[in-house]
PDB file of N, CA and C in Angstrom:
ATOM      1  N   MET A   1       0.950  -1.317   0.294  1.00  0.00           N
ATOM      2  CA  MET A   1       0.398   0.189  -0.021  1.00  0.00           C
ATOM      3  C   MET A   1       0.851   1.645   0.109  1.00  0.00           C
ATOM      4  N   ASP A   2       1.026   1.849  -0.933  1.00  0.00           N
ATOM      5  CA  ASP A   2       1.389   3.362  -1.365  1.00  0.00           C
ATOM      6  C   ASP A   2       0.481   4.171  -0.367  1.00  0.00           C
ATOM      7  N   GLN A   3       1.383   4.878   0.975  1.00  0.00           N
ATOM      8  CA  GLN A   3       0.547   6.143   1.626  1.00  0.00           C
ATOM      9  C   GLN A   3       1.373   7.181   1.215  1.00  0.00           C
ATOM     10  N   GLN A   4       0.276   8.242   1.303  1.00  0.00           N
ATOM     11  CA  GLN A   4       0.561   9.583   0.981  1.00  0.00           C
ATOM     12  C   GLN A   4       1.504  10.445   2.092  1.00  0.00           C
ATOM     13  N   PRO A   5       2.779  11.130   2.379  1.00  0.00           N
ATOM     14  CA  PRO A   5       2.922  11.719   3.677  1.00  0.00           C
ATOM     15  C   PRO A   5       2.256  12.507   3.396  1.00  0.00           C
ATOM     16  N   PHE A   6       2.097  13.048   4.800  1.00  0.00           N
ATOM     17  CA  PHE A   6       1.069  14.564   5.110  1.00  0.00           C
ATOM     18  C   PHE A   6       2.222  15.084   5.967  1.00  0.00           C
ATOM     19  N   GLU A   7       1.768  16.560   6.030  1.00  0.00           N
ATOM     20  CA  GLU A   7       2.546  17.929   6.270  1.00  0.00           C
ATOM     21  C   GLU A   7       2.248  17.981   7.794  1.00  0.00           C
ATOM     22  N   ILE A   8       3.140  18.287   8.562  1.00  0.00           N
ATOM     23  CA  ILE A   8       3.169  18.701   9.965  1.00  0.00           C
ATOM     24  C   ILE A   8       3.429  20.386  10.042  1.00  0.00           C
ATOM     25  N   GLU A   9       2.751  21.121  10.538  1.00  0.00           N
ATOM     26  CA  GLU A   9       3.354  22.151  10.927  1.00  0.00           C
ATOM     27  C   GLU A   9       3.530  22.221  12.122  1.00  0.00           C
ATOM     28  N   GLU A  10       4.808  22.879  12.265  1.00  0.00           N
ATOM     29  CA  GLU A  10       5.565  23.326  13.502  1.00  0.00           C
ATOM     30  C   GLU A  10       5.510  24.713  13.867  1.00  0.00           C
ATOM     31  N   THR A  11       4.535  24.572  15.059  1.00  0.00           N
ATOM     32  CA  THR A  11       4.697  25.982  15.770  1.00  0.00           C
ATOM     33  C   THR A  11       6.175  25.857  17.209  1.00  0.00           C
ATOM     34  N   ILE A  12       6.803  27.257  16.981  1.00  0.00           N
ATOM     35  CA  ILE A  12       7.242  27.612  17.914  1.00  0.00           C
ATOM     36  C   ILE A  12       6.816  28.873  18.979  1.00  0.00           C
ATOM     37  N   LEU A  13       7.468  28.099  20.411  1.00  0.00           N
ATOM     38  CA  LEU A  13       5.977  28.960  21.018  1.00  0.00           C
ATOM     39  C   LEU A  13       7.510  29.686  22.096  1.00  0.00           C
ATOM     40  N   ASP A  14       7.714  31.134  22.061  1.00  0.00           N
ATOM     41  CA  ASP A  14       8.547  32.122  22.058  1.00  0.00           C
ATOM     42  C   ASP A  14       8.169  32.635  23.764  1.00  0.00           C
ATOM     43  N   LYS A  15       9.188  31.561  24.723  1.00  0.00           N
ATOM     44  CA  LYS A  15       8.039  32.469  26.149  1.00  0.00           C
ATOM     45  C   LYS A  15       8.360  33.405  26.341  1.00  0.00           C
ATOM     46  N   ASP A  16       8.792  34.310  25.502  1.00  0.00           N
ATOM     47  CA  ASP A  16       9.221  35.965  26.070  1.00  0.00           C
ATOM     48  C   ASP A  16       8.041  36.737  25.346  1.00  0.00           C
ATOM     49  N   LEU A  17       7.203  36.213  23.804  1.00  0.00           N
ATOM     50  CA  LEU A  17       6.350  36.853  23.122  1.00  0.00           C
ATOM     51  C   LEU A  17       4.937  36.204  23.945  1.00  0.00           C
ATOM     52  N   LYS A  18       3.806  36.601  24.462  1.00  0.00           N
ATOM     53  CA  LYS A  18       2.716  35.693  24.573  1.00  0.00           C
ATOM     54  C   LYS A  18       1.854  36.289  24.031  1.00  0.00           C
ATOM     55  N   GLN A  19       0.851  35.912  23.060  1.00  0.00           N
ATOM     56  CA  GLN A  19      -0.300  35.767  22.322  1.00  0.00           C
ATOM     57  C   GLN A  19      -1.441  36.040  23.460  1.00  0.00           C
ATOM     58  N   CYS A  20      -2.626  36.849  23.455  1.00  0.00           N
ATOM     59  CA  CYS A  20      -3.755  36.792  23.781  1.00  0.00           C
ATOM     60  C   CYS A  20      -4.393  35.291  23.302  1.00  0.00           C
ATOM     61  N   SER A  21      -5.300  34.955  24.475  1.00  0.00           N
ATOM     62  CA  SER A  21      -6.109  33.764  24.238  1.00  0.00           C
ATOM     63  C   SER A  21      -7.141  33.870  23.443  1.00  0.00           C
ATOM     64  N   THR A  22      -7.728  35.299  23.533  1.00  0.00           N
ATOM     65  CA  THR A  22      -9.172  36.082  23.656  1.00  0.00           C
ATOM     66  C   THR A  22      -8.874  36.569  21.313  1.00  0.00           C
ATOM     67  N   CYS A  23      -8.001  37.649  21.601  1.00  0.00           N
ATOM     68  CA  CYS A  23      -8.012  38.404  20.752  1.00  0.00           C
ATOM     69  C   CYS A  23      -6.764  38.382  19.598  1.00  0.00           C
ATOM     70  N   GLY A  24      -5.903  37.129  20.030  1.00  0.00           N
ATOM     71  CA  GLY A  24      -4.525  37.253  19.510  1.00  0.00           C
ATOM     72  C   GLY A  24      -3.572  38.241  19.577  1.00  0.00           C
ATOM     73  N   HIS A  25      -3.465  39.166  20.216  1.00  0.00           N
ATOM     74  CA  HIS A  25      -3.076  40.440  20.355  1.00  0.00           C
ATOM     75  C   HIS A  25      -1.520  39.790  20.933  1.00  0.00           C
ATOM     76  N   LYS A  26      -0.140  40.430  20.094  1.00  0.00           N
ATOM     77  CA  LYS A  26       1.152  39.916  20.678  1.00  0.00           C
ATOM     78  C   LYS A  26       1.499  40.672  21.548  1.00  0.00           C
ATOM     79  N   GLN A  27       2.314  40.303  22.514  1.00  0.00           N
ATOM     80  CA  GLN A  27       3.139  41.278  23.418  1.00  0.00           C
ATOM     81  C   GLN A  27       4.310  40.741  24.250  1.00  0.00           C
ATOM     82  N   GLU A  28       4.936  41.672  24.240  1.00  0.00           N
ATOM     83  CA  GLU A  28       6.355  41.441  25.563  1.00  0.00           C
ATOM     84  C   GLU A  28       5.886  40.697  26.874  1.00  0.00           C
ATOM     85  N   ILE A  29       6.004  39.989  27.324  1.00  0.00           N
ATOM     86  CA  ILE A  29       5.962  39.965  28.764  1.00  0.00           C
ATOM     87  C   ILE A  29       7.173  38.837  29.594  1.00  0.00           C
ATOM     88  N   GLU A  30       7.178  39.522  30.715  1.00  0.00           N
ATOM     89  CA  GLU A  30       8.902  39.076  31.327  1.00  0.00           C
ATOM     90  C   GLU A  30       8.079  37.886  32.288  1.00  0.00           C
ATOM     91  N   LEU A  31       9.186  36.797  32.396  1.00  0.00           N
ATOM     92  CA  LEU A  31       9.251  35.471  32.795  1.00  0.00           C
ATOM     93  C   LEU A  31       8.420  36.310  34.741  1.00  0.00           C
ATOM     94  N   LYS A  32       8.618  36.784  35.267  1.00  0.00           N
ATOM     95  CA  LYS A  32       8.377  36.666  36.593  1.00  0.00           C
ATOM     96  C   LYS A  32       7.057  37.884  36.784  1.00  0.00           C
ATOM     97  N   GLN A  33       5.941  38.106  35.610  1.00  0.00           N
ATOM     98  CA  GLN A  33       5.022  38.364  35.421  1.00  0.00           C
ATOM     99  C   GLN A  33       3.976  37.233  35.523  1.00  0.00           C
ATOM    100  N   ARG A  34       3.194  36.856  36.480  1.00  0.00           N
ATOM    101  CA  ARG A  34       2.335  35.716  36.338  1.00  0.00           C
ATOM    102  C   ARG A  34       1.009  36.128  35.851  1.00  0.00           C
ATOM    103  N   THR A  35       0.765  37.225  35.844  1.00  0.00           N
ATOM    104  CA  THR A  35      -0.682  37.232  35.706  1.00  0.00           C
ATOM    105  C   THR A  35      -0.279  37.825  33.903  1.00  0.00           C
ATOM    106  N   TYR A  36      -1.332  37.656  32.742  1.00  0.00           N
ATOM    107  CA  TYR A  36      -1.469  37.792  31.374  1.00  0.00           C
ATOM    108  C   TYR A  36      -2.684  39.190  31.132  1.00  0.00           C
ATOM    109  N   ASN A  37      -1.998  40.367  31.112  1.00  0.00           N
ATOM    110  CA  ASN A  37      -2.630  41.740  30.870  1.00  0.00           C
ATOM    111  C   ASN A  37      -2.800  42.043  29.490  1.00  0.00           C
ATOM    112  N   CYS A  38      -3.407  41.652  28.405  1.00  0.00           N
ATOM    113  CA  CYS A  38      -3.664  42.068  27.403  1.00  0.00           C
ATOM    114  C   CYS A  38      -3.673  43.710  27.053  1.00  0.00           C
ATOM    115  N   LYS A  39      -3.094  44.541  26.017  1.00  0.00           N
ATOM    116  CA  LYS A  39      -3.144  45.853  26.010  1.00  0.00           C
ATOM    117  C   LYS A  39      -4.279  46.246  25.146  1.00  0.00           C
ATOM    118  N   ASN A  40      -4.511  44.884  24.561  1.00  0.00           N
ATOM    119  CA  ASN A  40      -5.143  44.865  23.846  1.00  0.00           C
ATOM    120  C   ASN A  40      -6.897  45.276  23.875  1.00  0.00           C
ATOM    121  N   CYS A  41      -7.218  43.562  24.317  1.00  0.00           N
ATOM    122  CA  CYS A  41      -8.967  43.118  25.118  1.00  0.00           C
ATOM    123  C   CYS A  41      -8.720  43.533  26.508  1.00  0.00           C
ATOM    124  N   SER A  42      -7.914  44.021  27.123  1.00  0.00           N
ATOM    125  CA  SER A  42      -8.032  43.835  28.293  1.00  0.00           C
ATOM    126  C   SER A  42      -7.983  42.418  29.456  1.00  0.00           C
ATOM    127  N   LEU A  43      -7.934  41.720  28.323  1.00  0.00           N
ATOM    128  CA  LEU A  43      -7.813  40.387  29.459  1.00  0.00           C
ATOM    129  C   LEU A  43      -6.733  39.912  30.066  1.00  0.00           C
ATOM    130  N   GLU A  44      -7.214  39.445  31.644  1.00  0.00           N
ATOM    131  CA  GLU A  44      -6.611  39.328  33.028  1.00  0.00           C
ATOM    132  C   GLU A  44      -6.508  37.981  33.225  1.00  0.00           C
ATOM    133  N   LEU A  45      -5.235  37.290  33.103  1.00  0.00           N
ATOM    134  CA  LEU A  45      -5.399  35.725  33.000  1.00  0.00           C
ATOM    135  C   LEU A  45      -3.927  35.514  33.718  1.00  0.00           C
ATOM    136  N   ASP A  46      -4.189  33.990  34.211  1.00  0.00           N
ATOM    137  CA  ASP A  46      -2.994  33.626  34.637  1.00  0.00           C
ATOM    138  C   ASP A  46      -2.414  33.065  33.352  1.00  0.00           C
ATOM    139  N   ARG A  47      -0.264  33.401  33.084  1.00  0.00           N
ATOM    140  CA  ARG A  47      -0.327  33.567  32.239  1.00  0.00           C
ATOM    141  C   ARG A  47      -0.094  32.182  31.078  1.00  0.00           C
ATOM    142  N   ASP A  48       0.360  31.110  32.856  1.00  0.00           N
ATOM    143  CA  ASP A  48       0.164  29.798  32.199  1.00  0.00           C
ATOM    144  C   ASP A  48      -1.189  28.897  31.277  1.00  0.00           C
ATOM    145  N   TYR A  49      -2.285  29.563  32.180  1.00  0.00           N
ATOM    146  CA  TYR A  49      -3.246  29.425  31.532  1.00  0.00           C
ATOM    147  C   TYR A  49      -3.884  29.801  29.819  1.00  0.00           C
ATOM    148  N   ASN A  50      -3.361  31.459  30.221  1.00  0.00           N
ATOM    149  CA  ASN A  50      -3.635  32.019  28.782  1.00  0.00           C
ATOM    150  C   ASN A  50      -2.267  31.249  27.749  1.00  0.00           C
ATOM    151  N   SER A  51      -1.464  30.319  28.405  1.00  0.00           N
ATOM    152  CA  SER A  51      -0.744  29.512  26.920  1.00  0.00           C
ATOM    153  C   SER A  51      -1.029  28.032  26.844  1.00  0.00           C
ATOM    154  N   SER A  52      -1.758  27.729  28.019  1.00  0.00           N
ATOM    155  CA  SER A  52      -2.255  26.845  27.868  1.00  0.00           C
ATOM    156  C   SER A  52      -3.489  26.813  26.899  1.00  0.00           C
ATOM    157  N   ILE A  53      -4.516  27.695  26.797  1.00  0.00           N
ATOM    158  CA  ILE A  53      -5.425  27.987  25.632  1.00  0.00           C
ATOM    159  C   ILE A  53      -4.612  28.048  24.512  1.00  0.00           C
ATOM    160  N   ASN A  54      -3.594  28.800  24.332  1.00  0.00           N
ATOM    161  CA  ASN A  54      -3.189  28.974  22.740  1.00  0.00           C
ATOM    162  C   ASN A  54      -2.413  27.390  22.292  1.00  0.00           C
ATOM    163  N   ILE A  55      -1.544  26.582  23.100  1.00  0.00           N
ATOM    164  CA  ILE A  55      -1.421  25.362  22.506  1.00  0.00           C
ATOM    165  C   ILE A  55      -2.225  24.667  22.120  1.00  0.00           C
ATOM    166  N   LYS A  56      -3.439  24.414  22.827  1.00  0.00           N
ATOM    167  CA  LYS A  56      -4.537  24.096  22.779  1.00  0.00           C
ATOM    168  C   LYS A  56      -4.888  24.005  21.339  1.00  0.00           C
ATOM    169  N   ALA A  57      -5.416  25.600  21.220  1.00  0.00           N
ATOM    170  CA  ALA A  57      -5.853  25.903  20.107  1.00  0.00           C
ATOM    171  C   ALA A  57      -4.943  25.398  18.377  1.00  0.00           C
ATOM    172  N   ALA A  58      -3.670  25.631  18.907  1.00  0.00           N
ATOM    173  CA  ALA A  58      -2.832  25.505  17.798  1.00  0.00           C
ATOM    174  C   ALA A  58      -2.750  23.588  18.201  1.00  0.00           C
ATOM    175  N   GLY A  59      -2.898  23.056  18.830  1.00  0.00           N
ATOM    176  CA  GLY A  59      -2.638  21.869  18.431  1.00  0.00           C
ATOM    177  C   GLY A  59      -4.047  20.920  17.601  1.00  0.00           C
ATOM    178  N   THR A  60      -5.130  21.748  18.435  1.00  0.00           N
ATOM    179  CA  THR A  60      -6.776  21.367  17.658  1.00  0.00           C
ATOM    180  C   THR A  60      -6.716  21.599  15.838  1.00  0.00           C
ATOM    181  N   SER A  61      -5.711  22.481  16.137  1.00  0.00           N
ATOM    182  CA  SER A  61      -5.924  23.996  14.521  1.00  0.00           C
ATOM    183  C   SER A  61      -4.797  22.389  13.646  1.00  0.00           C
ATOM    184  N   ALA A  62      -3.911  21.853  14.098  1.00  0.00           N
ATOM    185  CA  ALA A  62      -3.010  20.984  13.550  1.00  0.00           C
ATOM    186  C   ALA A  62      -3.750  19.606  12.942  1.00  0.00           C
ATOM    187  N   LEU A  63      -4.438  19.273  13.806  1.00  0.00           N
ATOM    188  CA  LEU A  63      -5.411  18.044  14.085  1.00  0.00           C
ATOM    189  C   LEU A  63      -6.543  18.052  12.832  1.00  0.00           C
ATOM    190  N   LYS A  64      -7.151  19.562  12.868  1.00  0.00           N
ATOM    191  CA  LYS A  64      -8.010  19.491  11.983  1.00  0.00           C
ATOM    192  C   LYS A  64      -7.475  19.491  10.615  1.00  0.00           C
ATOM    193  N   LYS A  65      -6.303  20.054  10.244  1.00  0.00           N
ATOM    194  CA  LYS A  65      -5.470  19.926   9.085  1.00  0.00           C
ATOM    195  C   LYS A  65      -5.183  18.749   8.396  1.00  0.00           C
ATOM    196  N   LEU A  66      -4.807  17.881   9.432  1.00  0.00           N
ATOM    197  CA  LEU A  66      -4.333  16.317   9.117  1.00  0.00           C
ATOM    198  C   LEU A  66      -5.957  15.474   8.562  1.00  0.00           C
ATOM    199  N   VAL A  67      -6.958  15.703   9.183  1.00  0.00           N
ATOM    200  CA  VAL A  67      -7.829  14.905   8.707  1.00  0.00           C
ATOM    201  C   VAL A  67      -8.515  15.807   8.142  1.00  0.00           C
ATOM    202  N   GLU A  68      -8.686  16.673   7.909  1.00  0.00           N
ATOM    203  CA  GLU A  68      -9.258  17.348   6.279  1.00  0.00           C
ATOM    204  C   GLU A  68      -8.453  16.872   5.110  1.00  0.00           C
ATOM    205  N   GLN A  69      -7.870  16.457   5.445  1.00  0.00           N
ATOM    206  CA  GLN A  69      -6.455  16.154   4.150  1.00  0.00           C
ATOM    207  C   GLN A  69      -7.333  15.251   3.294  1.00  0.00           C
ATOM    208  N   PRO A  70      -7.657  15.158   1.951  1.00  0.00           N
ATOM    209  CA  PRO A  70      -8.171  14.043   1.099  1.00  0.00           C
ATOM    210  C   PRO A  70      -7.535  12.467   1.119  1.00  0.00           C
ATOM    211  N   VAL A  71      -8.350  11.946   1.379  1.00  0.00           N
ATOM    212  CA  VAL A  71      -7.751  10.548   1.168  1.00  0.00           C
ATOM    213  C   VAL A  71      -7.792  10.006  -0.014  1.00  0.00           C
ATOM    214  N   ARG A  72      -6.769   9.090  -0.475  1.00  0.00           N
ATOM    215  CA  ARG A  72      -6.413   8.812  -2.179  1.00  0.00           C
ATOM    216  C   ARG A  72      -7.012   7.393  -2.130  1.00  0.00           C
ATOM    217  N   ALA A  73      -7.343   7.193  -3.011  1.00  0.00           N
ATOM    218  CA  ALA A  73      -7.769   5.583  -2.834  1.00  0.00           C
ATOM    219  C   ALA A  73      -6.887   5.169  -3.472  1.00  0.00           C
ATOM    220  N   ALA A  74      -6.664   3.424  -3.234  1.00  0.00           N
ATOM    221  CA  ALA A  74      -5.749   2.569  -3.479  1.00  0.00           C
ATOM    222  C   ALA A  74      -5.688   2.085  -5.158  1.00  0.00           C
TER     223      ALA A  74
END
């Protein structure tokens, strides 16, 4: 059986550049700052929880792309 390779998108998470999980705004944040305060939409959230939401969204998006790839007949 000949299987077609599929693409996997690599997401690099920069520890210093944080993205708002609500509006997508990106801003610098220091490691010592434990609360994420978005300067764009005023979201206030634990920084680790905000990051986990972004990681989940990236993983879900990657899986969706993989599932939506067309299947070739054998």
